[in-house]
Amino acid sequence: MQAKDSDASLVQATAVKTTMAPQQSYPFWLGGVGATMAACCTHPLDLTKVRMQTVHSTSGAPSRPSTFSILRTTISETGVKSLYTGLTASIMRQMTYSLVRLGTYEKMKAELSKDGQAPASHLFLAAMVAGGLGGMAGNPADILLVRMTSDFVRPPSERYNYGNAVSGLVTLVKEEGAQGLSRGIGTNLTRAILMNGSQVGSYDLFKQILLRNRLPLIDYQMEDGLLLHSLASVAAGTFATTVTAPADVLRSRLMAAHGNTHPLEVLTTALREEGPRFLFKGWTPAFIRLGPNTVLMFIFFEQLKKGWRTMFPADYIL
């Protein structure tokens, strides 16, 4: 009889143990820190991308500058240090836009995954909603970033000459009022929704695919680690660059423009003067920037989460 009771207790204990799962909670700001670290590494590429997207609209030059010609001209005329023009705006952007989009997505993903792995469609939708919230939070910093990085390709009389992100924000509100903070918010929201869905949502999907299937040709089974994070983020970066390219170009041109400019006016003028290819203008530097940025952002984010788990182990709950 005692043996039976002992066996029953063992079975019950085992059942309880299997129902216990680690409930890890991360700070809302952790993703913003990872994104900021990545942006500090890839800012010169972001600067090059914006200048390629805005050079025609500001100078009226018919030529199509390449990524390397923009980099070469920037370095030869203003020095290597100028590649980090607008870095303060980039940091402000990551600590608003990326902090909100990544933090919100992680909270939503945790909620959706309470009863098991959430469907990919639900994660994509969550990522898009989080991206929209991030786009609204980061719009003022986005305006500053575009203006500070595109000043170089403008005539001197049309430059904004913001010293840093904080002084630029003050000047923006003084000269254009509070409504100036929402300039280009329509295209920026569209881009943010597409970006987070195609970058963050697809990253989790690519991770799931790589973990579920052995790699062809070499017959290798991926494990959760640095290699998996790198491959999944490269795929997510490529996908996100292509999906967001048209909205990204329109956003850059609207935010760089003086006065009241309607998105439809920018679109029709550019289509008439440059053709439909303008929608993918700057794709190469966008990918060169977004690919490494996506890889670094997710690697930094995953390592920050790993460090957080080490410092603050998950509580096990029934």
C-alpha atoms as a PDB file:
ATOM      1  CA  MET A   1       0.000   0.000   0.000  1.00  0.00           C
ATOM      2  CA  GLN A   2       2.856   2.335   0.916  1.00  0.00           C
ATOM      3  CA  ALA A   3       4.552   1.535  -2.392  1.00  0.00           C
ATOM      4  CA  LYS A   4       1.377   2.493  -4.270  1.00  0.00           C
ATOM      5  CA  ASP A   5       1.085   5.768  -2.384  1.00  0.00           C
ATOM      6  CA  SER A   6       4.745   6.476  -3.094  1.00  0.00           C
ATOM      7  CA  ASP A   7       4.285   5.775  -6.808  1.00  0.00           C
ATOM      8  CA  ALA A   8       1.202   7.971  -6.922  1.00  0.00           C
ATOM      9  CA  SER A   9       3.070  10.796  -5.210  1.00  0.00           C
ATOM     10  CA  LEU A  10       5.936  10.432  -7.680  1.00  0.00           C
ATOM     11  CA  VAL A  11       3.572  10.561 -10.644  1.00  0.00           C
ATOM     12  CA  GLN A  12       1.828  13.608  -9.188  1.00  0.00           C
ATOM     13  CA  ALA A  13       5.149  15.356  -8.557  1.00  0.00           C
ATOM     14  CA  THR A  14       6.290  14.583 -12.095  1.00  0.00           C
ATOM     15  CA  ALA A  15       3.031  15.927 -13.511  1.00  0.00           C
ATOM     16  CA  VAL A  16       3.379  19.106 -11.493  1.00  0.00           C
ATOM     17  CA  LYS A  17       6.982  19.498 -12.623  1.00  0.00           C
ATOM     18  CA  THR A  18       6.046  19.173 -16.282  1.00  0.00           C
ATOM     19  CA  THR A  19       3.361  21.852 -15.927  1.00  0.00           C
ATOM     20  CA  MET A  20       5.878  24.299 -14.541  1.00  0.00           C
ATOM     21  CA  ALA A  21       7.366  26.683 -17.095  1.00  0.00           C
ATOM     22  CA  PRO A  22       9.849  29.489 -16.847  1.00  0.00           C
ATOM     23  CA  GLN A  23       8.155  32.869 -16.958  1.00  0.00           C
ATOM     24  CA  GLN A  24      10.851  35.323 -18.006  1.00  0.00           C
ATOM     25  CA  SER A  25      10.070  39.005 -18.047  1.00  0.00           C
ATOM     26  CA  TYR A  26      12.410  41.472 -19.723  1.00  0.00           C
ATOM     27  CA  PRO A  27      12.538  45.255 -19.221  1.00  0.00           C
ATOM     28  CA  PHE A  28      10.549  47.180 -21.802  1.00  0.00           C
ATOM     29  CA  TRP A  29      13.610  49.255 -22.676  1.00  0.00           C
ATOM     30  CA  LEU A  30      15.961  46.345 -23.419  1.00  0.00           C
ATOM     31  CA  GLY A  31      15.195  46.251 -27.150  1.00  0.00           C
ATOM     32  CA  GLY A  32      15.829  49.981 -27.433  1.00  0.00           C
ATOM     33  CA  VAL A  33      19.304  49.526 -25.952  1.00  0.00           C
ATOM     34  CA  GLY A  34      20.111  46.703 -28.397  1.00  0.00           C
ATOM     35  CA  ALA A  35      18.866  48.782 -31.337  1.00  0.00           C
ATOM     36  CA  THR A  36      20.908  51.782 -30.186  1.00  0.00           C
ATOM     37  CA  MET A  37      24.072  49.688 -29.988  1.00  0.00           C
ATOM     38  CA  ALA A  38      23.449  48.437 -33.536  1.00  0.00           C
ATOM     39  CA  ALA A  39      22.688  51.946 -34.854  1.00  0.00           C
ATOM     40  CA  CYS A  40      25.981  53.282 -33.478  1.00  0.00           C
ATOM     41  CA  CYS A  41      27.790  50.655 -35.586  1.00  0.00           C
ATOM     42  CA  THR A  42      25.828  51.178 -38.819  1.00  0.00           C
ATOM     43  CA  HIS A  43      25.094  54.939 -38.746  1.00  0.00           C
ATOM     44  CA  PRO A  44      27.439  55.807 -41.678  1.00  0.00           C
ATOM     45  CA  LEU A  45      25.397  53.463 -43.883  1.00  0.00           C
ATOM     46  CA  ASP A  46      22.132  55.019 -42.717  1.00  0.00           C
ATOM     47  CA  LEU A  47      23.523  58.467 -43.534  1.00  0.00           C
ATOM     48  CA  THR A  48      24.533  57.271 -47.021  1.00  0.00           C
ATOM     49  CA  LYS A  49      21.091  55.763 -47.626  1.00  0.00           C
ATOM     50  CA  VAL A  50      19.264  59.010 -46.734  1.00  0.00           C
ATOM     51  CA  ARG A  51      21.601  61.095 -48.919  1.00  0.00           C
ATOM     52  CA  MET A  52      21.045  58.778 -51.888  1.00  0.00           C
ATOM     53  CA  GLN A  53      17.270  59.014 -51.430  1.00  0.00           C
ATOM     54  CA  THR A  54      17.212  62.819 -51.140  1.00  0.00           C
ATOM     55  CA  VAL A  55      20.044  63.977 -53.416  1.00  0.00           C
ATOM     56  CA  HIS A  56      17.837  64.296 -56.517  1.00  0.00           C
ATOM     57  CA  SER A  57      15.020  66.097 -54.752  1.00  0.00           C
ATOM     58  CA  THR A  58      17.365  68.639 -53.173  1.00  0.00           C
ATOM     59  CA  SER A  59      19.936  69.303 -55.859  1.00  0.00           C
ATOM     60  CA  GLY A  60      17.948  68.511 -58.978  1.00  0.00           C
ATOM     61  CA  ALA A  61      20.942  66.660 -60.381  1.00  0.00           C
ATOM     62  CA  PRO A  62      19.973  64.050 -62.960  1.00  0.00           C
ATOM     63  CA  SER A  63      22.823  61.715 -62.075  1.00  0.00           C
ATOM     64  CA  ARG A  64      22.321  58.580 -59.970  1.00  0.00           C
ATOM     65  CA  PRO A  65      25.111  58.545 -57.375  1.00  0.00           C
ATOM     66  CA  SER A  66      26.264  55.176 -56.106  1.00  0.00           C
ATOM     67  CA  THR A  67      26.692  54.143 -52.490  1.00  0.00           C
ATOM     68  CA  PHE A  68      30.458  54.358 -52.726  1.00  0.00           C
ATOM     69  CA  SER A  69      30.459  57.718 -54.540  1.00  0.00           C
ATOM     70  CA  ILE A  70      28.354  59.226 -51.725  1.00  0.00           C
ATOM     71  CA  LEU A  71      30.711  57.749 -49.117  1.00  0.00           C
ATOM     72  CA  ARG A  72      33.783  58.918 -51.037  1.00  0.00           C
ATOM     73  CA  THR A  73      32.429  62.463 -51.500  1.00  0.00           C
ATOM     74  CA  THR A  74      31.424  62.710 -47.841  1.00  0.00           C
ATOM     75  CA  ILE A  75      34.852  61.624 -46.596  1.00  0.00           C
ATOM     76  CA  SER A  76      36.845  63.713 -49.111  1.00  0.00           C
ATOM     77  CA  GLU A  77      34.898  66.932 -48.495  1.00  0.00           C
ATOM     78  CA  THR A  78      34.142  66.791 -44.758  1.00  0.00           C
ATOM     79  CA  GLY A  79      36.294  64.003 -43.309  1.00  0.00           C
ATOM     80  CA  VAL A  80      35.643  60.586 -41.781  1.00  0.00           C
ATOM     81  CA  LYS A  81      34.095  62.118 -38.672  1.00  0.00           C
ATOM     82  CA  SER A  82      31.236  63.503 -40.778  1.00  0.00           C
ATOM     83  CA  LEU A  83      30.011  59.937 -41.409  1.00  0.00           C
ATOM     84  CA  TYR A  84      28.556  60.177 -37.913  1.00  0.00           C
ATOM     85  CA  THR A  85      26.642  63.386 -38.603  1.00  0.00           C
ATOM     86  CA  GLY A  86      23.220  63.034 -36.993  1.00  0.00           C
ATOM     87  CA  LEU A  87      24.251  60.263 -34.574  1.00  0.00           C
ATOM     88  CA  THR A  88      22.463  62.009 -31.694  1.00  0.00           C
ATOM     89  CA  ALA A  89      19.228  61.941 -33.715  1.00  0.00           C
ATOM     90  CA  SER A  90      19.814  58.259 -34.503  1.00  0.00           C
ATOM     91  CA  ILE A  91      20.198  57.461 -30.796  1.00  0.00           C
ATOM     92  CA  MET A  92      17.057  59.470 -29.995  1.00  0.00           C
ATOM     93  CA  ARG A  93      15.217  57.563 -32.717  1.00  0.00           C
ATOM     94  CA  GLN A  94      16.255  54.140 -31.410  1.00  0.00           C
ATOM     95  CA  MET A  95      15.333  55.062 -27.832  1.00  0.00           C
ATOM     96  CA  THR A  96      11.842  56.086 -28.980  1.00  0.00           C
ATOM     97  CA  TYR A  97      10.900  54.195 -32.150  1.00  0.00           C
ATOM     98  CA  SER A  98      12.796  50.942 -31.571  1.00  0.00           C
ATOM     99  CA  LEU A  99      12.257  50.926 -27.819  1.00  0.00           C
ATOM    100  CA  VAL A 100       8.483  51.078 -28.288  1.00  0.00           C
ATOM    101  CA  ARG A 101       8.250  48.698 -31.258  1.00  0.00           C
ATOM    102  CA  LEU A 102      10.470  46.001 -29.743  1.00  0.00           C
ATOM    103  CA  GLY A 103       9.216  46.395 -26.189  1.00  0.00           C
ATOM    104  CA  THR A 104       5.560  46.280 -27.238  1.00  0.00           C
ATOM    105  CA  TYR A 105       6.130  43.306 -29.542  1.00  0.00           C
ATOM    106  CA  GLU A 106       7.900  41.291 -26.813  1.00  0.00           C
ATOM    107  CA  LYS A 107       5.007  41.914 -24.405  1.00  0.00           C
ATOM    108  CA  MET A 108       2.433  40.955 -27.038  1.00  0.00           C
ATOM    109  CA  LYS A 109       4.408  37.862 -28.055  1.00  0.00           C
ATOM    110  CA  ALA A 110       4.633  36.712 -24.431  1.00  0.00           C
ATOM    111  CA  GLU A 111       0.871  37.122 -24.072  1.00  0.00           C
ATOM    112  CA  LEU A 112       0.148  35.259 -27.327  1.00  0.00           C
ATOM    113  CA  SER A 113       2.536  32.430 -26.410  1.00  0.00           C
ATOM    114  CA  LYS A 114       1.105  31.697 -22.957  1.00  0.00           C
ATOM    115  CA  ASP A 115      -0.573  28.476 -24.128  1.00  0.00           C
ATOM    116  CA  GLY A 116       2.170  27.392 -26.536  1.00  0.00           C
ATOM    117  CA  GLN A 117       3.885  28.701 -29.639  1.00  0.00           C
ATOM    118  CA  ALA A 118       1.818  31.442 -31.269  1.00  0.00           C
ATOM    119  CA  PRO A 119       0.904  31.118 -34.978  1.00  0.00           C
ATOM    120  CA  ALA A 120       3.141  33.073 -37.350  1.00  0.00           C
ATOM    121  CA  SER A 121       0.167  35.121 -38.578  1.00  0.00           C
ATOM    122  CA  HIS A 122      -0.537  36.311 -35.025  1.00  0.00           C
ATOM    123  CA  LEU A 123       3.108  37.284 -34.515  1.00  0.00           C
ATOM    124  CA  PHE A 124       3.168  39.210 -37.811  1.00  0.00           C
ATOM    125  CA  LEU A 125       0.023  41.107 -36.806  1.00  0.00           C
ATOM    126  CA  ALA A 126       1.458  41.846 -33.359  1.00  0.00           C
ATOM    127  CA  ALA A 127       4.693  43.080 -34.940  1.00  0.00           C
ATOM    128  CA  MET A 128       2.785  45.394 -37.282  1.00  0.00           C
ATOM    129  CA  VAL A 129       0.714  46.884 -34.448  1.00  0.00           C
ATOM    130  CA  ALA A 130       3.872  47.394 -32.379  1.00  0.00           C
ATOM    131  CA  GLY A 131       5.563  48.966 -35.399  1.00  0.00           C
ATOM    132  CA  GLY A 132       2.739  51.488 -35.770  1.00  0.00           C
ATOM    133  CA  LEU A 133       3.052  52.518 -32.121  1.00  0.00           C
ATOM    134  CA  GLY A 134       6.814  52.818 -32.509  1.00  0.00           C
ATOM    135  CA  GLY A 135       6.399  54.905 -35.659  1.00  0.00           C
ATOM    136  CA  MET A 136       4.254  57.434 -33.807  1.00  0.00           C
ATOM    137  CA  ALA A 137       6.663  57.589 -30.860  1.00  0.00           C
ATOM    138  CA  GLY A 138       9.729  58.023 -33.065  1.00  0.00           C
ATOM    139  CA  ASN A 139       8.404  60.393 -35.742  1.00  0.00           C
ATOM    140  CA  PRO A 140      10.018  63.596 -34.335  1.00  0.00           C
ATOM    141  CA  ALA A 141      13.413  61.879 -34.052  1.00  0.00           C
ATOM    142  CA  ASP A 142      12.982  60.527 -37.587  1.00  0.00           C
ATOM    143  CA  ILE A 143      12.503  64.064 -38.925  1.00  0.00           C
ATOM    144  CA  LEU A 144      15.657  65.227 -37.164  1.00  0.00           C
ATOM    145  CA  LEU A 145      17.640  62.239 -38.423  1.00  0.00           C
ATOM    146  CA  VAL A 146      16.641  62.756 -42.062  1.00  0.00           C
ATOM    147  CA  ARG A 147      17.350  66.499 -41.934  1.00  0.00           C
ATOM    148  CA  MET A 148      20.692  66.192 -40.163  1.00  0.00           C
ATOM    149  CA  THR A 149      21.979  63.449 -42.457  1.00  0.00           C
ATOM    150  CA  SER A 150      20.731  65.086 -45.694  1.00  0.00           C
ATOM    151  CA  ASP A 151      22.016  68.619 -44.975  1.00  0.00           C
ATOM    152  CA  PHE A 152      25.275  67.857 -46.789  1.00  0.00           C
ATOM    153  CA  VAL A 153      23.563  67.440 -50.185  1.00  0.00           C
ATOM    154  CA  ARG A 154      21.568  70.679 -49.830  1.00  0.00           C
ATOM    155  CA  PRO A 155      22.534  74.163 -51.023  1.00  0.00           C
ATOM    156  CA  PRO A 156      23.948  76.121 -48.023  1.00  0.00           C
ATOM    157  CA  SER A 157      20.923  78.438 -47.959  1.00  0.00           C
ATOM    158  CA  GLU A 158      18.534  75.494 -47.511  1.00  0.00           C
ATOM    159  CA  ARG A 159      20.390  73.665 -44.740  1.00  0.00           C
ATOM    160  CA  TYR A 160      18.859  73.181 -41.299  1.00  0.00           C
ATOM    161  CA  ASN A 161      22.207  73.200 -39.443  1.00  0.00           C
ATOM    162  CA  TYR A 162      20.936  71.426 -36.330  1.00  0.00           C
ATOM    163  CA  GLY A 163      23.805  71.103 -33.843  1.00  0.00           C
ATOM    164  CA  ASN A 164      22.381  67.994 -32.169  1.00  0.00           C
ATOM    165  CA  ALA A 165      19.076  66.207 -31.717  1.00  0.00           C
ATOM    166  CA  VAL A 166      17.943  68.193 -28.667  1.00  0.00           C
ATOM    167  CA  SER A 167      18.659  71.631 -30.162  1.00  0.00           C
ATOM    168  CA  GLY A 168      17.161  70.441 -33.443  1.00  0.00           C
ATOM    169  CA  LEU A 169      13.960  69.406 -31.664  1.00  0.00           C
ATOM    170  CA  VAL A 170      13.684  72.819 -30.002  1.00  0.00           C
ATOM    171  CA  THR A 171      14.299  74.606 -33.323  1.00  0.00           C
ATOM    172  CA  LEU A 172      11.772  72.402 -35.108  1.00  0.00           C
ATOM    173  CA  VAL A 173       9.017  73.229 -32.608  1.00  0.00           C
ATOM    174  CA  LYS A 174       9.921  76.956 -32.598  1.00  0.00           C
ATOM    175  CA  GLU A 175       9.886  77.283 -36.390  1.00  0.00           C
ATOM    176  CA  GLU A 176       7.105  74.879 -37.367  1.00  0.00           C
ATOM    177  CA  GLY A 177       5.052  74.510 -34.196  1.00  0.00           C
ATOM    178  CA  ALA A 178       3.910  71.280 -32.573  1.00  0.00           C
ATOM    179  CA  GLN A 179       2.366  70.154 -35.866  1.00  0.00           C
ATOM    180  CA  GLY A 180       5.877  70.073 -37.335  1.00  0.00           C
ATOM    181  CA  LEU A 181       6.571  67.011 -35.185  1.00  0.00           C
ATOM    182  CA  SER A 182       4.044  65.036 -37.234  1.00  0.00           C
ATOM    183  CA  ARG A 183       5.525  65.886 -40.664  1.00  0.00           C
ATOM    184  CA  GLY A 184       5.501  62.803 -42.867  1.00  0.00           C
ATOM    185  CA  ILE A 185       3.792  60.712 -40.197  1.00  0.00           C
ATOM    186  CA  GLY A 186       1.554  58.971 -42.731  1.00  0.00           C
ATOM    187  CA  THR A 187       4.413  57.505 -44.764  1.00  0.00           C
ATOM    188  CA  ASN A 188       6.449  56.975 -41.598  1.00  0.00           C
ATOM    189  CA  LEU A 189       3.645  54.953 -40.010  1.00  0.00           C
ATOM    190  CA  THR A 190       3.287  52.895 -43.180  1.00  0.00           C
ATOM    191  CA  ARG A 191       7.017  52.241 -43.212  1.00  0.00           C
ATOM    192  CA  ALA A 192       7.114  51.447 -39.481  1.00  0.00           C
ATOM    193  CA  ILE A 193       4.246  48.960 -39.770  1.00  0.00           C
ATOM    194  CA  LEU A 194       5.827  47.287 -42.798  1.00  0.00           C
ATOM    195  CA  MET A 195       9.292  47.360 -41.208  1.00  0.00           C
ATOM    196  CA  ASN A 196       8.352  45.766 -37.915  1.00  0.00           C
ATOM    197  CA  GLY A 197       6.152  43.162 -39.570  1.00  0.00           C
ATOM    198  CA  SER A 198       8.762  42.231 -42.177  1.00  0.00           C
ATOM    199  CA  GLN A 199      11.796  42.522 -39.876  1.00  0.00           C
ATOM    200  CA  VAL A 200      10.783  41.517 -36.343  1.00  0.00           C
ATOM    201  CA  GLY A 201       7.869  39.264 -37.318  1.00  0.00           C
ATOM    202  CA  SER A 202       9.851  37.469 -40.023  1.00  0.00           C
ATOM    203  CA  TYR A 203      12.859  37.061 -37.709  1.00  0.00           C
ATOM    204  CA  ASP A 204      10.828  34.861 -35.370  1.00  0.00           C
ATOM    205  CA  LEU A 205       9.389  32.976 -38.360  1.00  0.00           C
ATOM    206  CA  PHE A 206      12.827  32.340 -39.888  1.00  0.00           C
ATOM    207  CA  LYS A 207      14.088  31.181 -36.496  1.00  0.00           C
ATOM    208  CA  GLN A 208      11.229  28.686 -36.239  1.00  0.00           C
ATOM    209  CA  ILE A 209      11.844  27.394 -39.776  1.00  0.00           C
ATOM    210  CA  LEU A 210      15.582  26.956 -39.188  1.00  0.00           C
ATOM    211  CA  LEU A 211      15.011  25.170 -35.879  1.00  0.00           C
ATOM    212  CA  ARG A 212      12.367  22.866 -37.345  1.00  0.00           C
ATOM    213  CA  ASN A 213      14.257  21.803 -40.476  1.00  0.00           C
ATOM    214  CA  ARG A 214      17.749  20.500 -41.111  1.00  0.00           C
ATOM    215  CA  LEU A 215      19.840  22.613 -43.474  1.00  0.00           C
ATOM    216  CA  PRO A 216      19.899  21.046 -46.982  1.00  0.00           C
ATOM    217  CA  LEU A 217      23.131  19.886 -48.643  1.00  0.00           C
ATOM    218  CA  ILE A 218      25.125  19.882 -45.384  1.00  0.00           C
ATOM    219  CA  ASP A 219      22.351  18.111 -43.400  1.00  0.00           C
ATOM    220  CA  TYR A 220      22.941  20.252 -40.311  1.00  0.00           C
ATOM    221  CA  GLN A 221      20.450  20.768 -37.505  1.00  0.00           C
ATOM    222  CA  MET A 222      20.462  24.337 -36.182  1.00  0.00           C
ATOM    223  CA  GLU A 223      20.391  25.059 -32.469  1.00  0.00           C
ATOM    224  CA  ASP A 224      19.393  28.231 -30.658  1.00  0.00           C
ATOM    225  CA  GLY A 225      22.580  30.263 -30.644  1.00  0.00           C
ATOM    226  CA  LEU A 226      24.653  32.891 -32.413  1.00  0.00           C
ATOM    227  CA  LEU A 227      24.638  31.147 -35.832  1.00  0.00           C
ATOM    228  CA  LEU A 228      20.854  30.784 -35.784  1.00  0.00           C
ATOM    229  CA  HIS A 229      20.388  34.412 -34.767  1.00  0.00           C
ATOM    230  CA  SER A 230      22.750  35.565 -37.544  1.00  0.00           C
ATOM    231  CA  LEU A 231      21.117  33.555 -40.357  1.00  0.00           C
ATOM    232  CA  ALA A 232      17.569  34.429 -39.288  1.00  0.00           C
ATOM    233  CA  SER A 233      18.412  38.130 -39.018  1.00  0.00           C
ATOM    234  CA  VAL A 234      20.124  38.233 -42.457  1.00  0.00           C
ATOM    235  CA  ALA A 235      16.992  36.720 -44.010  1.00  0.00           C
ATOM    236  CA  ALA A 236      14.777  39.133 -42.067  1.00  0.00           C
ATOM    237  CA  GLY A 237      16.929  42.110 -43.108  1.00  0.00           C
ATOM    238  CA  THR A 238      16.718  41.193 -46.811  1.00  0.00           C
ATOM    239  CA  PHE A 239      12.967  40.720 -46.627  1.00  0.00           C
ATOM    240  CA  ALA A 240      12.421  43.950 -44.680  1.00  0.00           C
ATOM    241  CA  THR A 241      14.579  46.060 -47.033  1.00  0.00           C
ATOM    242  CA  THR A 242      12.532  45.044 -50.073  1.00  0.00           C
ATOM    243  CA  VAL A 243       9.132  45.438 -48.411  1.00  0.00           C
ATOM    244  CA  THR A 244       9.833  48.876 -46.926  1.00  0.00           C
ATOM    245  CA  ALA A 245      11.864  50.462 -49.764  1.00  0.00           C
ATOM    246  CA  PRO A 246       9.059  52.503 -51.434  1.00  0.00           C
ATOM    247  CA  ALA A 247       7.698  53.897 -48.143  1.00  0.00           C
ATOM    248  CA  ASP A 248      11.242  54.612 -46.971  1.00  0.00           C
ATOM    249  CA  VAL A 249      12.055  56.737 -50.033  1.00  0.00           C
ATOM    250  CA  LEU A 250       8.816  58.737 -49.753  1.00  0.00           C
ATOM    251  CA  ARG A 251       9.342  59.239 -46.018  1.00  0.00           C
ATOM    252  CA  SER A 252      12.881  60.573 -46.536  1.00  0.00           C
ATOM    253  CA  ARG A 253      11.786  63.033 -49.214  1.00  0.00           C
ATOM    254  CA  LEU A 254       8.790  64.302 -47.259  1.00  0.00           C
ATOM    255  CA  MET A 255      10.791  64.851 -44.086  1.00  0.00           C
ATOM    256  CA  ALA A 256      13.622  66.555 -45.965  1.00  0.00           C
ATOM    257  CA  ALA A 257      11.273  68.962 -47.760  1.00  0.00           C
ATOM    258  CA  HIS A 258      10.672  72.601 -46.815  1.00  0.00           C
ATOM    259  CA  GLY A 259       7.164  73.943 -46.399  1.00  0.00           C
ATOM    260  CA  ASN A 260       3.926  71.981 -46.731  1.00  0.00           C
ATOM    261  CA  THR A 261       4.392  69.083 -49.116  1.00  0.00           C
ATOM    262  CA  HIS A 262       1.721  66.464 -49.779  1.00  0.00           C
ATOM    263  CA  PRO A 263       2.819  62.804 -50.160  1.00  0.00           C
ATOM    264  CA  LEU A 264       0.858  62.454 -53.411  1.00  0.00           C
ATOM    265  CA  GLU A 265       2.628  65.507 -54.850  1.00  0.00           C
ATOM    266  CA  VAL A 266       6.030  64.024 -53.984  1.00  0.00           C
ATOM    267  CA  LEU A 267       5.035  60.663 -55.482  1.00  0.00           C
ATOM    268  CA  THR A 268       3.646  62.015 -58.772  1.00  0.00           C
ATOM    269  CA  THR A 269       6.537  64.447 -59.287  1.00  0.00           C
ATOM    270  CA  ALA A 270       9.144  61.752 -58.673  1.00  0.00           C
ATOM    271  CA  LEU A 271       7.358  59.241 -60.909  1.00  0.00           C
ATOM    272  CA  ARG A 272       7.180  61.808 -63.713  1.00  0.00           C
ATOM    273  CA  GLU A 273      10.813  62.948 -63.410  1.00  0.00           C
ATOM    274  CA  GLU A 274      12.565  59.731 -62.372  1.00  0.00           C
ATOM    275  CA  GLY A 275      10.237  56.856 -63.242  1.00  0.00           C
ATOM    276  CA  PRO A 276       9.007  54.030 -60.987  1.00  0.00           C
ATOM    277  CA  ARG A 277      12.570  52.924 -60.223  1.00  0.00           C
ATOM    278  CA  PHE A 278      12.858  55.845 -57.801  1.00  0.00           C
ATOM    279  CA  LEU A 279      10.744  53.827 -55.322  1.00  0.00           C
ATOM    280  CA  PHE A 280      13.732  51.512 -54.840  1.00  0.00           C
ATOM    281  CA  LYS A 281      16.343  54.248 -54.957  1.00  0.00           C
ATOM    282  CA  GLY A 282      18.882  53.604 -52.240  1.00  0.00           C
ATOM    283  CA  TRP A 283      17.948  49.887 -51.959  1.00  0.00           C
ATOM    284  CA  THR A 284      21.610  48.835 -51.984  1.00  0.00           C
ATOM    285  CA  PRO A 285      22.728  51.121 -49.148  1.00  0.00           C
ATOM    286  CA  ALA A 286      19.431  50.396 -47.389  1.00  0.00           C
ATOM    287  CA  PHE A 287      20.243  46.675 -47.503  1.00  0.00           C
ATOM    288  CA  ILE A 288      23.910  47.237 -46.705  1.00  0.00           C
ATOM    289  CA  ARG A 289      22.748  49.231 -43.696  1.00  0.00           C
ATOM    290  CA  LEU A 290      19.642  47.219 -42.711  1.00  0.00           C
ATOM    291  CA  GLY A 291      21.291  43.806 -43.169  1.00  0.00           C
ATOM    292  CA  PRO A 292      24.135  44.426 -40.681  1.00  0.00           C
ATOM    293  CA  ASN A 293      21.835  46.573 -38.527  1.00  0.00           C
ATOM    294  CA  THR A 294      19.276  43.771 -38.279  1.00  0.00           C
ATOM    295  CA  VAL A 295      21.966  41.195 -37.508  1.00  0.00           C
ATOM    296  CA  LEU A 296      23.603  43.395 -34.872  1.00  0.00           C
ATOM    297  CA  MET A 297      20.294  44.517 -33.372  1.00  0.00           C
ATOM    298  CA  PHE A 298      19.021  40.981 -32.841  1.00  0.00           C
ATOM    299  CA  ILE A 299      22.405  39.663 -31.695  1.00  0.00           C
ATOM    300  CA  PHE A 300      22.757  42.512 -29.191  1.00  0.00           C
ATOM    301  CA  PHE A 301      19.129  42.049 -28.115  1.00  0.00           C
ATOM    302  CA  GLU A 302      19.491  38.268 -27.714  1.00  0.00           C
ATOM    303  CA  GLN A 303      22.723  38.707 -25.735  1.00  0.00           C
ATOM    304  CA  LEU A 304      21.131  41.374 -23.539  1.00  0.00           C
ATOM    305  CA  LYS A 305      18.234  39.006 -22.861  1.00  0.00           C
ATOM    306  CA  LYS A 306      20.685  36.189 -22.109  1.00  0.00           C
ATOM    307  CA  GLY A 307      22.549  38.461 -19.703  1.00  0.00           C
ATOM    308  CA  TRP A 308      19.273  39.484 -18.074  1.00  0.00           C
ATOM    309  CA  ARG A 309      18.288  35.813 -17.622  1.00  0.00           C
ATOM    310  CA  THR A 310      21.660  35.158 -15.979  1.00  0.00           C
ATOM    311  CA  MET A 311      21.326  38.093 -13.607  1.00  0.00           C
ATOM    312  CA  PHE A 312      17.630  37.619 -12.926  1.00  0.00           C
ATOM    313  CA  PRO A 313      16.646  33.940 -13.451  1.00  0.00           C
ATOM    314  CA  ALA A 314      13.062  33.219 -14.425  1.00  0.00           C
ATOM    315  CA  ASP A 315      10.582  32.380 -11.695  1.00  0.00           C
ATOM    316  CA  TYR A 316       8.906  29.032 -12.228  1.00  0.00           C
ATOM    317  CA  ILE A 317       5.153  29.185 -12.059  1.00  0.00           C
ATOM    318  CA  LEU A 318       2.449  26.514 -12.228  1.00  0.00           C
END
